[in-house]
PDB file of N, CA and C in Angstrom:
ATOM      1  N   MET A   1      -0.982  12.784  22.275  1.00  0.00           N
ATOM      2  CA  MET A   1      -0.418  11.690  21.153  1.00  0.00           C
ATOM      3  C   MET A   1      -0.487  13.137  20.464  1.00  0.00           C
ATOM      4  N   ASN A   2       1.230  13.089  19.357  1.00  0.00           N
ATOM      5  CA  ASN A   2       1.541  14.239  18.894  1.00  0.00           C
ATOM      6  C   ASN A   2       1.233  14.105  17.386  1.00  0.00           C
ATOM      7  N   VAL A   3       1.015  14.914  16.809  1.00  0.00           N
ATOM      8  CA  VAL A   3       0.948  14.742  15.081  1.00  0.00           C
ATOM      9  C   VAL A   3       2.099  13.654  14.657  1.00  0.00           C
ATOM     10  N   ALA A   4       3.265  14.175  14.609  1.00  0.00           N
ATOM     11  CA  ALA A   4       3.818  12.634  13.804  1.00  0.00           C
ATOM     12  C   ALA A   4       3.859  11.381  14.576  1.00  0.00           C
ATOM     13  N   MET A   5       3.406  11.241  15.787  1.00  0.00           N
ATOM     14  CA  MET A   5       2.865   9.977  15.970  1.00  0.00           C
ATOM     15  C   MET A   5       2.175   9.207  15.068  1.00  0.00           C
ATOM     16  N   VAL A   6       1.166  10.432  15.347  1.00  0.00           N
ATOM     17  CA  VAL A   6      -0.111   9.874  14.353  1.00  0.00           C
ATOM     18  C   VAL A   6      -0.045   9.489  13.030  1.00  0.00           C
ATOM     19  N   LEU A   7       0.626  10.701  12.242  1.00  0.00           N
ATOM     20  CA  LEU A   7       1.178  10.265  11.448  1.00  0.00           C
ATOM     21  C   LEU A   7       1.981   8.992  11.033  1.00  0.00           C
ATOM     22  N   ASN A   8       2.926   8.901  11.507  1.00  0.00           N
ATOM     23  CA  ASN A   8       3.744   7.430  11.585  1.00  0.00           C
ATOM     24  C   ASN A   8       2.819   6.428  12.002  1.00  0.00           C
ATOM     25  N   LEU A   9       1.413   6.313  12.818  1.00  0.00           N
ATOM     26  CA  LEU A   9       1.067   5.131  13.017  1.00  0.00           C
ATOM     27  C   LEU A   9       0.213   5.221  11.865  1.00  0.00           C
ATOM     28  N   LEU A  10      -0.171   6.198  10.826  1.00  0.00           N
ATOM     29  CA  LEU A  10      -1.168   5.997   9.713  1.00  0.00           C
ATOM     30  C   LEU A  10      -0.034   5.670   8.297  1.00  0.00           C
ATOM     31  N   ALA A  11       1.201   5.562   8.284  1.00  0.00           N
ATOM     32  CA  ALA A  11       2.029   5.040   7.651  1.00  0.00           C
ATOM     33  C   ALA A  11       2.226   4.173   7.858  1.00  0.00           C
ATOM     34  N   ALA A  12       2.684   3.460   8.938  1.00  0.00           N
ATOM     35  CA  ALA A  12       2.090   1.864   9.377  1.00  0.00           C
ATOM     36  C   ALA A  12       1.233   1.029   8.852  1.00  0.00           C
ATOM     37  N   ALA A  13       0.092   1.803   8.859  1.00  0.00           N
ATOM     38  CA  ALA A  13      -1.397   1.046   8.322  1.00  0.00           C
ATOM     39  C   ALA A  13      -0.724   1.051   7.177  1.00  0.00           C
ATOM     40  N   ALA A  14      -0.759   1.995   6.405  1.00  0.00           N
ATOM     41  CA  ALA A  14      -0.621   2.134   4.904  1.00  0.00           C
ATOM     42  C   ALA A  14       0.218   0.682   4.241  1.00  0.00           C
ATOM     43  N   GLY A  15       1.621   0.816   4.700  1.00  0.00           N
ATOM     44  CA  GLY A  15       2.341   0.115   4.813  1.00  0.00           C
ATOM     45  C   GLY A  15       1.709  -1.644   4.815  1.00  0.00           C
ATOM     46  N   LEU A  16       1.069  -1.656   5.815  1.00  0.00           N
ATOM     47  CA  LEU A  16       0.530  -2.819   5.968  1.00  0.00           C
ATOM     48  C   LEU A  16      -0.571  -3.241   4.866  1.00  0.00           C
ATOM     49  N   VAL A  17      -1.249  -2.135   4.377  1.00  0.00           N
ATOM     50  CA  VAL A  17      -2.456  -2.821   3.103  1.00  0.00           C
ATOM     51  C   VAL A  17      -1.698  -2.944   2.516  1.00  0.00           C
ATOM     52  N   ALA A  18      -0.763  -1.665   1.972  1.00  0.00           N
ATOM     53  CA  ALA A  18       0.191  -2.126   0.928  1.00  0.00           C
ATOM     54  C   ALA A  18       0.881  -3.760   0.295  1.00  0.00           C
ATOM     55  N   ALA A  19       1.581  -3.991   1.897  1.00  0.00           N
ATOM     56  CA  ALA A  19       1.967  -5.523   1.726  1.00  0.00           C
ATOM     57  C   ALA A  19       0.712  -6.707   1.689  1.00  0.00           C
ATOM     58  N   TRP A  20      -0.519  -6.449   2.038  1.00  0.00           N
ATOM     59  CA  TRP A  20      -1.628  -7.402   1.865  1.00  0.00           C
ATOM     60  C   TRP A  20      -2.170  -7.734   0.093  1.00  0.00           C
ATOM     61  N   TRP A  21      -2.344  -6.582  -0.097  1.00  0.00           N
ATOM     62  CA  TRP A  21      -2.211  -5.879  -1.858  1.00  0.00           C
ATOM     63  C   TRP A  21      -1.303  -6.698  -2.337  1.00  0.00           C
ATOM     64  N   TRP A  22       0.016  -6.932  -2.198  1.00  0.00           N
ATOM     65  CA  TRP A  22       0.582  -7.662  -3.108  1.00  0.00           C
ATOM     66  C   TRP A  22       1.625  -8.788  -2.747  1.00  0.00           C
ATOM     67  N   TYR A  23       0.508  -9.184  -1.837  1.00  0.00           N
ATOM     68  CA  TYR A  23       0.684 -10.898  -1.082  1.00  0.00           C
ATOM     69  C   TYR A  23      -0.729 -10.989  -2.395  1.00  0.00           C
ATOM     70  N   LYS A  24      -1.809 -10.614  -2.306  1.00  0.00           N
ATOM     71  CA  LYS A  24      -3.043 -10.736  -2.607  1.00  0.00           C
ATOM     72  C   LYS A  24      -2.357 -10.356  -4.305  1.00  0.00           C
ATOM     73  N   ALA A  25      -1.697 -10.032  -5.183  1.00  0.00           N
ATOM     74  CA  ALA A  25      -1.366  -9.889  -6.060  1.00  0.00           C
ATOM     75  C   ALA A  25      -0.748 -10.968  -6.824  1.00  0.00           C
ATOM     76  N   SER A  26       0.456 -11.500  -5.982  1.00  0.00           N
ATOM     77  CA  SER A  26       1.644 -12.828  -5.887  1.00  0.00           C
ATOM     78  C   SER A  26       0.251 -13.941  -5.851  1.00  0.00           C
ATOM     79  N   GLU A  27      -1.118 -14.311  -5.233  1.00  0.00           N
ATOM     80  CA  GLU A  27      -1.723 -15.666  -5.532  1.00  0.00           C
ATOM     81  C   GLU A  27      -2.485 -15.876  -6.297  1.00  0.00           C
ATOM     82  N   VAL A  28      -2.874 -14.891  -7.644  1.00  0.00           N
ATOM     83  CA  VAL A  28      -3.810 -15.403  -8.577  1.00  0.00           C
ATOM     84  C   VAL A  28      -3.271 -16.121  -9.320  1.00  0.00           C
ATOM     85  N   PRO A  29      -4.265 -17.134  -9.317  1.00  0.00           N
ATOM     86  CA  PRO A  29      -3.818 -18.360 -10.268  1.00  0.00           C
ATOM     87  C   PRO A  29      -3.665 -18.647 -11.072  1.00  0.00           C
ATOM     88  N   SER A  30      -2.689 -19.288 -11.958  1.00  0.00           N
ATOM     89  CA  SER A  30      -2.521 -19.403 -13.128  1.00  0.00           C
ATOM     90  C   SER A  30      -3.261 -20.511 -13.998  1.00  0.00           C
ATOM     91  N   GLN A  31      -4.212 -20.609 -14.798  1.00  0.00           N
ATOM     92  CA  GLN A  31      -5.227 -21.767 -14.642  1.00  0.00           C
ATOM     93  C   GLN A  31      -6.089 -21.141 -16.264  1.00  0.00           C
ATOM     94  N   PRO A  32      -6.349 -21.968 -17.119  1.00  0.00           N
ATOM     95  CA  PRO A  32      -7.141 -21.481 -18.148  1.00  0.00           C
ATOM     96  C   PRO A  32      -8.142 -21.150 -18.025  1.00  0.00           C
ATOM     97  N   LEU A  33      -8.861 -19.864 -19.048  1.00  0.00           N
ATOM     98  CA  LEU A  33      -9.767 -18.851 -18.736  1.00  0.00           C
ATOM     99  C   LEU A  33     -10.909 -19.565 -18.033  1.00  0.00           C
ATOM    100  N   SER A  34     -11.832 -20.540 -19.050  1.00  0.00           N
ATOM    101  CA  SER A  34     -12.787 -21.033 -18.718  1.00  0.00           C
ATOM    102  C   SER A  34     -12.877 -21.532 -16.871  1.00  0.00           C
ATOM    103  N   ALA A  35     -11.747 -21.987 -16.630  1.00  0.00           N
ATOM    104  CA  ALA A  35     -11.690 -22.261 -15.132  1.00  0.00           C
ATOM    105  C   ALA A  35     -11.991 -20.764 -13.966  1.00  0.00           C
ATOM    106  N   PHE A  36     -11.768 -19.750 -15.137  1.00  0.00           N
ATOM    107  CA  PHE A  36     -12.360 -18.634 -14.032  1.00  0.00           C
ATOM    108  C   PHE A  36     -13.582 -18.167 -14.114  1.00  0.00           C
ATOM    109  N   PHE A  37     -13.771 -18.966 -14.868  1.00  0.00           N
ATOM    110  CA  PHE A  37     -15.641 -18.455 -15.218  1.00  0.00           C
ATOM    111  C   PHE A  37     -16.322 -20.194 -14.858  1.00  0.00           C
ATOM    112  N   GLY A  38     -15.846 -21.044 -14.380  1.00  0.00           N
ATOM    113  CA  GLY A  38     -16.628 -22.396 -14.170  1.00  0.00           C
ATOM    114  C   GLY A  38     -16.952 -22.997 -15.295  1.00  0.00           C
ATOM    115  N   GLN A  39     -16.599 -22.799 -16.275  1.00  0.00           N
ATOM    116  CA  GLN A  39     -17.438 -23.079 -17.473  1.00  0.00           C
ATOM    117  C   GLN A  39     -16.078 -24.499 -17.770  1.00  0.00           C
ATOM    118  N   GLY A  40     -16.703 -25.659 -18.814  1.00  0.00           N
ATOM    119  CA  GLY A  40     -16.204 -27.092 -18.361  1.00  0.00           C
ATOM    120  C   GLY A  40     -15.179 -27.198 -19.897  1.00  0.00           C
ATOM    121  N   LYS A  41     -13.864 -28.142 -20.020  1.00  0.00           N
ATOM    122  CA  LYS A  41     -12.929 -28.029 -20.936  1.00  0.00           C
ATOM    123  C   LYS A  41     -13.607 -28.111 -22.129  1.00  0.00           C
ATOM    124  N   SER A  42     -12.869 -27.857 -23.175  1.00  0.00           N
ATOM    125  CA  SER A  42     -13.046 -28.257 -24.922  1.00  0.00           C
ATOM    126  C   SER A  42     -12.309 -29.241 -24.773  1.00  0.00           C
ATOM    127  N   GLY A  43     -12.771 -30.568 -25.863  1.00  0.00           N
ATOM    128  CA  GLY A  43     -11.909 -31.744 -26.376  1.00  0.00           C
ATOM    129  C   GLY A  43     -10.934 -31.137 -27.332  1.00  0.00           C
ATOM    130  N   ASP A  44     -11.043 -30.322 -28.166  1.00  0.00           N
ATOM    131  CA  ASP A  44     -10.006 -29.700 -29.238  1.00  0.00           C
ATOM    132  C   ASP A  44      -8.699 -29.147 -28.209  1.00  0.00           C
ATOM    133  N   GLU A  45      -7.861 -29.447 -28.900  1.00  0.00           N
ATOM    134  CA  GLU A  45      -6.640 -29.558 -28.369  1.00  0.00           C
ATOM    135  C   GLU A  45      -6.397 -27.931 -29.060  1.00  0.00           C
ATOM    136  N   LEU A  46      -6.343 -27.577 -29.743  1.00  0.00           N
ATOM    137  CA  LEU A  46      -5.714 -25.666 -30.144  1.00  0.00           C
ATOM    138  C   LEU A  46      -6.927 -25.350 -29.140  1.00  0.00           C
ATOM    139  N   GLU A  47      -7.983 -25.834 -28.991  1.00  0.00           N
ATOM    140  CA  GLU A  47      -9.187 -24.293 -28.177  1.00  0.00           C
ATOM    141  C   GLU A  47      -8.415 -24.635 -26.663  1.00  0.00           C
ATOM    142  N   GLN A  48      -8.288 -25.369 -26.276  1.00  0.00           N
ATOM    143  CA  GLN A  48      -7.169 -25.900 -25.095  1.00  0.00           C
ATOM    144  C   GLN A  48      -6.278 -25.120 -24.756  1.00  0.00           C
ATOM    145  N   ALA A  49      -5.024 -24.950 -25.797  1.00  0.00           N
ATOM    146  CA  ALA A  49      -3.888 -24.196 -26.279  1.00  0.00           C
ATOM    147  C   ALA A  49      -4.674 -22.512 -26.052  1.00  0.00           C
ATOM    148  N   ARG A  50      -5.637 -22.069 -26.961  1.00  0.00           N
ATOM    149  CA  ARG A  50      -6.351 -20.895 -26.889  1.00  0.00           C
ATOM    150  C   ARG A  50      -6.515 -20.712 -25.306  1.00  0.00           C
ATOM    151  N   ASP A  51      -7.033 -21.897 -24.306  1.00  0.00           N
ATOM    152  CA  ASP A  51      -7.775 -21.202 -23.370  1.00  0.00           C
ATOM    153  C   ASP A  51      -6.894 -21.233 -21.875  1.00  0.00           C
ATOM    154  N   HIS A  52      -5.474 -21.873 -22.308  1.00  0.00           N
ATOM    155  CA  HIS A  52      -4.803 -21.571 -21.391  1.00  0.00           C
ATOM    156  C   HIS A  52      -3.545 -20.448 -21.379  1.00  0.00           C
ATOM    157  N   THR A  53      -3.690 -20.063 -22.802  1.00  0.00           N
ATOM    158  CA  THR A  53      -3.110 -18.471 -22.834  1.00  0.00           C
ATOM    159  C   THR A  53      -3.591 -17.127 -22.642  1.00  0.00           C
ATOM    160  N   ALA A  54      -5.550 -17.383 -22.651  1.00  0.00           N
ATOM    161  CA  ALA A  54      -6.273 -16.254 -22.446  1.00  0.00           C
ATOM    162  C   ALA A  54      -6.423 -16.275 -20.543  1.00  0.00           C
ATOM    163  N   GLY A  55      -6.038 -17.698 -20.507  1.00  0.00           N
ATOM    164  CA  GLY A  55      -6.160 -17.431 -19.107  1.00  0.00           C
ATOM    165  C   GLY A  55      -5.084 -17.071 -18.130  1.00  0.00           C
ATOM    166  N   LEU A  56      -3.607 -17.265 -18.803  1.00  0.00           N
ATOM    167  CA  LEU A  56      -2.038 -16.220 -18.600  1.00  0.00           C
ATOM    168  C   LEU A  56      -2.887 -15.155 -18.531  1.00  0.00           C
ATOM    169  N   ALA A  57      -3.445 -14.661 -19.884  1.00  0.00           N
ATOM    170  CA  ALA A  57      -3.119 -12.931 -19.851  1.00  0.00           C
ATOM    171  C   ALA A  57      -4.350 -12.271 -18.761  1.00  0.00           C
ATOM    172  N   PHE A  58      -5.578 -13.370 -18.827  1.00  0.00           N
ATOM    173  CA  PHE A  58      -6.388 -13.126 -17.573  1.00  0.00           C
ATOM    174  C   PHE A  58      -5.212 -12.766 -16.026  1.00  0.00           C
ATOM    175  N   ALA A  59      -4.897 -13.846 -15.828  1.00  0.00           N
ATOM    176  CA  ALA A  59      -4.557 -13.785 -14.128  1.00  0.00           C
ATOM    177  C   ALA A  59      -3.731 -12.652 -14.492  1.00  0.00           C
ATOM    178  N   ALA A  60      -2.807 -12.524 -15.485  1.00  0.00           N
ATOM    179  CA  ALA A  60      -1.510 -10.956 -15.365  1.00  0.00           C
ATOM    180  C   ALA A  60      -3.022 -10.024 -15.405  1.00  0.00           C
ATOM    181  N   THR A  61      -3.572  -9.489 -15.963  1.00  0.00           N
ATOM    182  CA  THR A  61      -4.328  -8.316 -15.731  1.00  0.00           C
ATOM    183  C   THR A  61      -4.798  -8.169 -14.093  1.00  0.00           C
ATOM    184  N   ARG A  62      -5.163  -9.374 -13.820  1.00  0.00           N
ATOM    185  CA  ARG A  62      -5.388  -9.274 -12.240  1.00  0.00           C
ATOM    186  C   ARG A  62      -4.178  -8.949 -11.508  1.00  0.00           C
ATOM    187  N   SER A  63      -3.308  -9.499 -11.764  1.00  0.00           N
ATOM    188  CA  SER A  63      -2.144  -9.672 -10.772  1.00  0.00           C
ATOM    189  C   SER A  63      -1.900  -7.889 -11.291  1.00  0.00           C
ATOM    190  N   ALA A  64      -1.963  -7.295 -12.457  1.00  0.00           N
ATOM    191  CA  ALA A  64      -1.257  -5.797 -12.461  1.00  0.00           C
ATOM    192  C   ALA A  64      -2.405  -5.165 -11.651  1.00  0.00           C
ATOM    193  N   ALA A  65      -3.649  -5.601 -11.442  1.00  0.00           N
ATOM    194  CA  ALA A  65      -4.217  -4.411 -10.968  1.00  0.00           C
ATOM    195  C   ALA A  65      -4.220  -4.322  -9.749  1.00  0.00           C
ATOM    196  N   SER A  66      -3.650  -5.503  -8.907  1.00  0.00           N
ATOM    197  CA  SER A  66      -3.655  -5.335  -7.150  1.00  0.00           C
ATOM    198  C   SER A  66      -1.866  -4.985  -7.330  1.00  0.00           C
ATOM    199  N   ASN A  67      -1.460  -5.256  -7.632  1.00  0.00           N
ATOM    200  CA  ASN A  67       0.156  -4.523  -8.075  1.00  0.00           C
ATOM    201  C   ASN A  67      -0.165  -2.543  -8.093  1.00  0.00           C
ATOM    202  N   LYS A  68      -1.041  -2.347  -8.681  1.00  0.00           N
ATOM    203  CA  LYS A  68      -1.281  -0.986  -8.990  1.00  0.00           C
ATOM    204  C   LYS A  68      -2.016  -0.332  -7.637  1.00  0.00           C
ATOM    205  N   VAL A  69      -2.901  -0.834  -7.307  1.00  0.00           N
ATOM    206  CA  VAL A  69      -3.305  -0.880  -5.778  1.00  0.00           C
ATOM    207  C   VAL A  69      -2.591  -0.736  -4.952  1.00  0.00           C
ATOM    208  N   ALA A  70      -1.575  -1.928  -4.721  1.00  0.00           N
ATOM    209  CA  ALA A  70      -0.383  -1.944  -3.981  1.00  0.00           C
ATOM    210  C   ALA A  70       0.811  -0.542  -3.773  1.00  0.00           C
ATOM    211  N   ALA A  71       0.955  -0.124  -5.098  1.00  0.00           N
ATOM    212  CA  ALA A  71       1.881   0.731  -5.381  1.00  0.00           C
ATOM    213  C   ALA A  71       1.197   2.291  -4.781  1.00  0.00           C
ATOM    214  N   ILE A  72      -0.056   2.363  -5.279  1.00  0.00           N
ATOM    215  CA  ILE A  72      -1.268   3.494  -4.284  1.00  0.00           C
ATOM    216  C   ILE A  72      -0.845   3.727  -3.170  1.00  0.00           C
ATOM    217  N   TRP A  73      -0.761   2.516  -2.351  1.00  0.00           N
ATOM    218  CA  TRP A  73      -0.934   2.435  -0.761  1.00  0.00           C
ATOM    219  C   TRP A  73       0.259   2.652  -0.632  1.00  0.00           C
ATOM    220  N   THR A  74       1.778   2.119  -1.265  1.00  0.00           N
ATOM    221  CA  THR A  74       3.266   2.039  -0.639  1.00  0.00           C
ATOM    222  C   THR A  74       3.279   3.888  -0.699  1.00  0.00           C
ATOM    223  N   ALA A  75       3.413   4.334  -1.698  1.00  0.00           N
ATOM    224  CA  ALA A  75       3.404   5.911  -2.162  1.00  0.00           C
ATOM    225  C   ALA A  75       2.116   6.518  -0.824  1.00  0.00           C
ATOM    226  N   THR A  76       1.612   6.390  -0.633  1.00  0.00           N
ATOM    227  CA  THR A  76       0.599   6.725   0.975  1.00  0.00           C
ATOM    228  C   THR A  76       1.386   6.832   2.020  1.00  0.00           C
ATOM    229  N   SER A  77       1.958   5.841   2.090  1.00  0.00           N
ATOM    230  CA  SER A  77       2.351   5.352   2.926  1.00  0.00           C
ATOM    231  C   SER A  77       4.260   6.120   3.356  1.00  0.00           C
ATOM    232  N   VAL A  78       5.061   6.589   2.209  1.00  0.00           N
ATOM    233  CA  VAL A  78       5.957   7.511   2.024  1.00  0.00           C
ATOM    234  C   VAL A  78       5.694   8.366   2.351  1.00  0.00           C
ATOM    235  N   LEU A  79       4.465   9.189   2.119  1.00  0.00           N
ATOM    236  CA  LEU A  79       4.137  10.628   1.850  1.00  0.00           C
ATOM    237  C   LEU A  79       3.635  10.597   3.211  1.00  0.00           C
ATOM    238  N   LEU A  80       2.774   9.629   4.168  1.00  0.00           N
ATOM    239  CA  LEU A  80       2.718  10.117   5.619  1.00  0.00           C
ATOM    240  C   LEU A  80       4.396   9.670   6.526  1.00  0.00           C
ATOM    241  N   SER A  81       4.945   9.386   6.051  1.00  0.00           N
ATOM    242  CA  SER A  81       5.824   9.031   6.732  1.00  0.00           C
ATOM    243  C   SER A  81       7.198  10.284   6.100  1.00  0.00           C
ATOM    244  N   ALA A  82       6.929  11.137   5.475  1.00  0.00           N
ATOM    245  CA  ALA A  82       8.289  11.896   5.407  1.00  0.00           C
ATOM    246  C   ALA A  82       7.888  13.194   6.039  1.00  0.00           C
ATOM    247  N   PRO A  83       6.415  13.952   6.753  1.00  0.00           N
ATOM    248  CA  PRO A  83       6.834  14.667   8.033  1.00  0.00           C
ATOM    249  C   PRO A  83       7.434  13.963   8.814  1.00  0.00           C
ATOM    250  N   ALA A  84       7.407  13.364   8.922  1.00  0.00           N
ATOM    251  CA  ALA A  84       8.276  12.781  10.782  1.00  0.00           C
ATOM    252  C   ALA A  84       9.259  12.658  10.769  1.00  0.00           C
TER     253      ALA A  84
END
């Protein structure tokens, strides 16, 4: 097994890891913030609206963090496949 073949295998593995992280980023649920932390619902309508808005922001932040990791793995895959 030569160096180019090893780099190709590592690039493929890094690509699969990146795909898994992007899948994980797409599966972040959009729910009220209280649901992320196992708290009950508030009876106030305005408080529920704030809870939903905060939940969307929290979900977007979690998804963005997973996207960042996926982008790093994709770049790693490209760099590993460049010499081959």
